[in-house]
Amino acid sequence: MSVENPVPPDPADALAAVAALRRLADQIEDAAVEQAMRTGWSWPQVAEALGVTRQAVHKKHAKRLIAAGVELRRR
């Protein structure tokens, strides 16, 4: 592994790293979306920042945010 090629030589290690990075990215996204919604962002604003549709971000996060007590804006 080097700076030019950050992939570990063992495929098991490389795939484990990918899985760990995905979990971390999901955790960061969840926290950032919750923070944005708690500070009054709209679904379209969050969607634009993430590069996805409003429907996609709503489907992925709405149920969890409601369970966390976040007051959600309609638009």
C-alpha atoms as a PDB file:
ATOM      1  CA  MET A   1       0.000   0.000   0.000  1.00  0.00           C
ATOM      2  CA  SER A   2       1.264   3.481  -0.865  1.00  0.00           C
ATOM      3  CA  VAL A   3      -0.001   7.039  -1.154  1.00  0.00           C
ATOM      4  CA  GLU A   4      -0.510   6.533  -4.891  1.00  0.00           C
ATOM      5  CA  ASN A   5      -2.377   3.243  -4.323  1.00  0.00           C
ATOM      6  CA  PRO A   6      -4.095   3.253  -0.926  1.00  0.00           C
ATOM      7  CA  VAL A   7      -5.608  -0.216  -1.451  1.00  0.00           C
ATOM      8  CA  PRO A   8      -4.214  -2.848   0.925  1.00  0.00           C
ATOM      9  CA  PRO A   9      -2.600  -5.744  -0.949  1.00  0.00           C
ATOM     10  CA  ASP A  10      -4.828  -8.332   0.765  1.00  0.00           C
ATOM     11  CA  PRO A  11      -8.329  -8.274  -0.802  1.00  0.00           C
ATOM     12  CA  ALA A  12      -9.927  -9.133   2.553  1.00  0.00           C
ATOM     13  CA  ASP A  13      -8.292  -6.088   4.148  1.00  0.00           C
ATOM     14  CA  ALA A  14      -9.252  -3.888   1.204  1.00  0.00           C
ATOM     15  CA  LEU A  15     -12.898  -4.974   1.323  1.00  0.00           C
ATOM     16  CA  ALA A  16     -13.025  -4.591   5.102  1.00  0.00           C
ATOM     17  CA  ALA A  17     -11.730  -1.040   4.679  1.00  0.00           C
ATOM     18  CA  VAL A  18     -14.442  -0.291   2.115  1.00  0.00           C
ATOM     19  CA  ALA A  19     -17.142  -1.616   4.456  1.00  0.00           C
ATOM     20  CA  ALA A  20     -15.767   0.422   7.371  1.00  0.00           C
ATOM     21  CA  LEU A  21     -15.663   3.588   5.262  1.00  0.00           C
ATOM     22  CA  ARG A  22     -19.269   3.059   4.145  1.00  0.00           C
ATOM     23  CA  ARG A  23     -20.398   2.666   7.761  1.00  0.00           C
ATOM     24  CA  LEU A  24     -18.509   5.824   8.733  1.00  0.00           C
ATOM     25  CA  ALA A  25     -19.935   7.760   5.772  1.00  0.00           C
ATOM     26  CA  ASP A  26     -23.468   6.669   6.750  1.00  0.00           C
ATOM     27  CA  GLN A  27     -22.908   7.770  10.352  1.00  0.00           C
ATOM     28  CA  ILE A  28     -21.578  11.153   9.249  1.00  0.00           C
ATOM     29  CA  GLU A  29     -24.485  11.596   6.824  1.00  0.00           C
ATOM     30  CA  ASP A  30     -27.047  10.704   9.502  1.00  0.00           C
ATOM     31  CA  ALA A  31     -25.548  13.216  11.942  1.00  0.00           C
ATOM     32  CA  ALA A  32     -25.229  15.967   9.329  1.00  0.00           C
ATOM     33  CA  VAL A  33     -28.788  15.511   8.057  1.00  0.00           C
ATOM     34  CA  GLU A  34     -30.131  15.576  11.609  1.00  0.00           C
ATOM     35  CA  GLN A  35     -28.134  18.717  12.396  1.00  0.00           C
ATOM     36  CA  ALA A  36     -29.379  20.413   9.220  1.00  0.00           C
ATOM     37  CA  MET A  37     -33.009  19.527   9.897  1.00  0.00           C
ATOM     38  CA  ARG A  38     -32.778  20.641  13.543  1.00  0.00           C
ATOM     39  CA  THR A  39     -31.485  24.024  12.362  1.00  0.00           C
ATOM     40  CA  GLY A  40     -34.361  24.511   9.937  1.00  0.00           C
ATOM     41  CA  TRP A  41     -33.076  23.235   6.602  1.00  0.00           C
ATOM     42  CA  SER A  42     -35.666  21.986   4.149  1.00  0.00           C
ATOM     43  CA  TRP A  43     -35.651  18.603   2.425  1.00  0.00           C
ATOM     44  CA  PRO A  44     -34.690  20.219  -0.923  1.00  0.00           C
ATOM     45  CA  GLN A  45     -31.742  22.010   0.713  1.00  0.00           C
ATOM     46  CA  VAL A  46     -30.454  18.789   2.279  1.00  0.00           C
ATOM     47  CA  ALA A  47     -31.000  16.884  -0.960  1.00  0.00           C
ATOM     48  CA  GLU A  48     -29.100  19.458  -2.993  1.00  0.00           C
ATOM     49  CA  ALA A  49     -26.188  19.413  -0.559  1.00  0.00           C
ATOM     50  CA  LEU A  50     -26.005  15.611  -0.784  1.00  0.00           C
ATOM     51  CA  GLY A  51     -26.490  15.507  -4.553  1.00  0.00           C
ATOM     52  CA  VAL A  52     -29.641  13.388  -4.373  1.00  0.00           C
ATOM     53  CA  THR A  53     -33.369  13.961  -4.839  1.00  0.00           C
ATOM     54  CA  ARG A  54     -35.615  15.300  -2.115  1.00  0.00           C
ATOM     55  CA  GLN A  55     -37.548  12.030  -2.248  1.00  0.00           C
ATOM     56  CA  ALA A  56     -34.370   9.976  -1.751  1.00  0.00           C
ATOM     57  CA  VAL A  57     -33.215  11.926   1.289  1.00  0.00           C
ATOM     58  CA  HIS A  58     -36.706  11.894   2.797  1.00  0.00           C
ATOM     59  CA  LYS A  59     -37.078   8.148   2.294  1.00  0.00           C
ATOM     60  CA  LYS A  60     -33.681   7.460   3.853  1.00  0.00           C
ATOM     61  CA  HIS A  61     -33.895   9.773   6.863  1.00  0.00           C
ATOM     62  CA  ALA A  62     -37.474  10.803   7.727  1.00  0.00           C
ATOM     63  CA  LYS A  63     -38.461   7.842   9.899  1.00  0.00           C
ATOM     64  CA  ARG A  64     -35.232   8.008  11.928  1.00  0.00           C
ATOM     65  CA  LEU A  65     -35.519  11.770  12.383  1.00  0.00           C
ATOM     66  CA  ILE A  66     -39.140  11.527  13.545  1.00  0.00           C
ATOM     67  CA  ALA A  67     -38.120   8.832  16.050  1.00  0.00           C
ATOM     68  CA  ALA A  68     -35.367  11.159  17.280  1.00  0.00           C
ATOM     69  CA  GLY A  69     -37.921  13.893  17.904  1.00  0.00           C
ATOM     70  CA  VAL A  70     -36.794  16.190  15.100  1.00  0.00           C
ATOM     71  CA  GLU A  71     -39.513  18.570  13.943  1.00  0.00           C
ATOM     72  CA  LEU A  72     -39.562  18.238  10.156  1.00  0.00           C
ATOM     73  CA  ARG A  73     -40.502  20.914   7.677  1.00  0.00           C
ATOM     74  CA  ARG A  74     -42.955  20.048   4.934  1.00  0.00           C
ATOM     75  CA  ARG A  75     -40.810  21.647   2.207  1.00  0.00           C
END
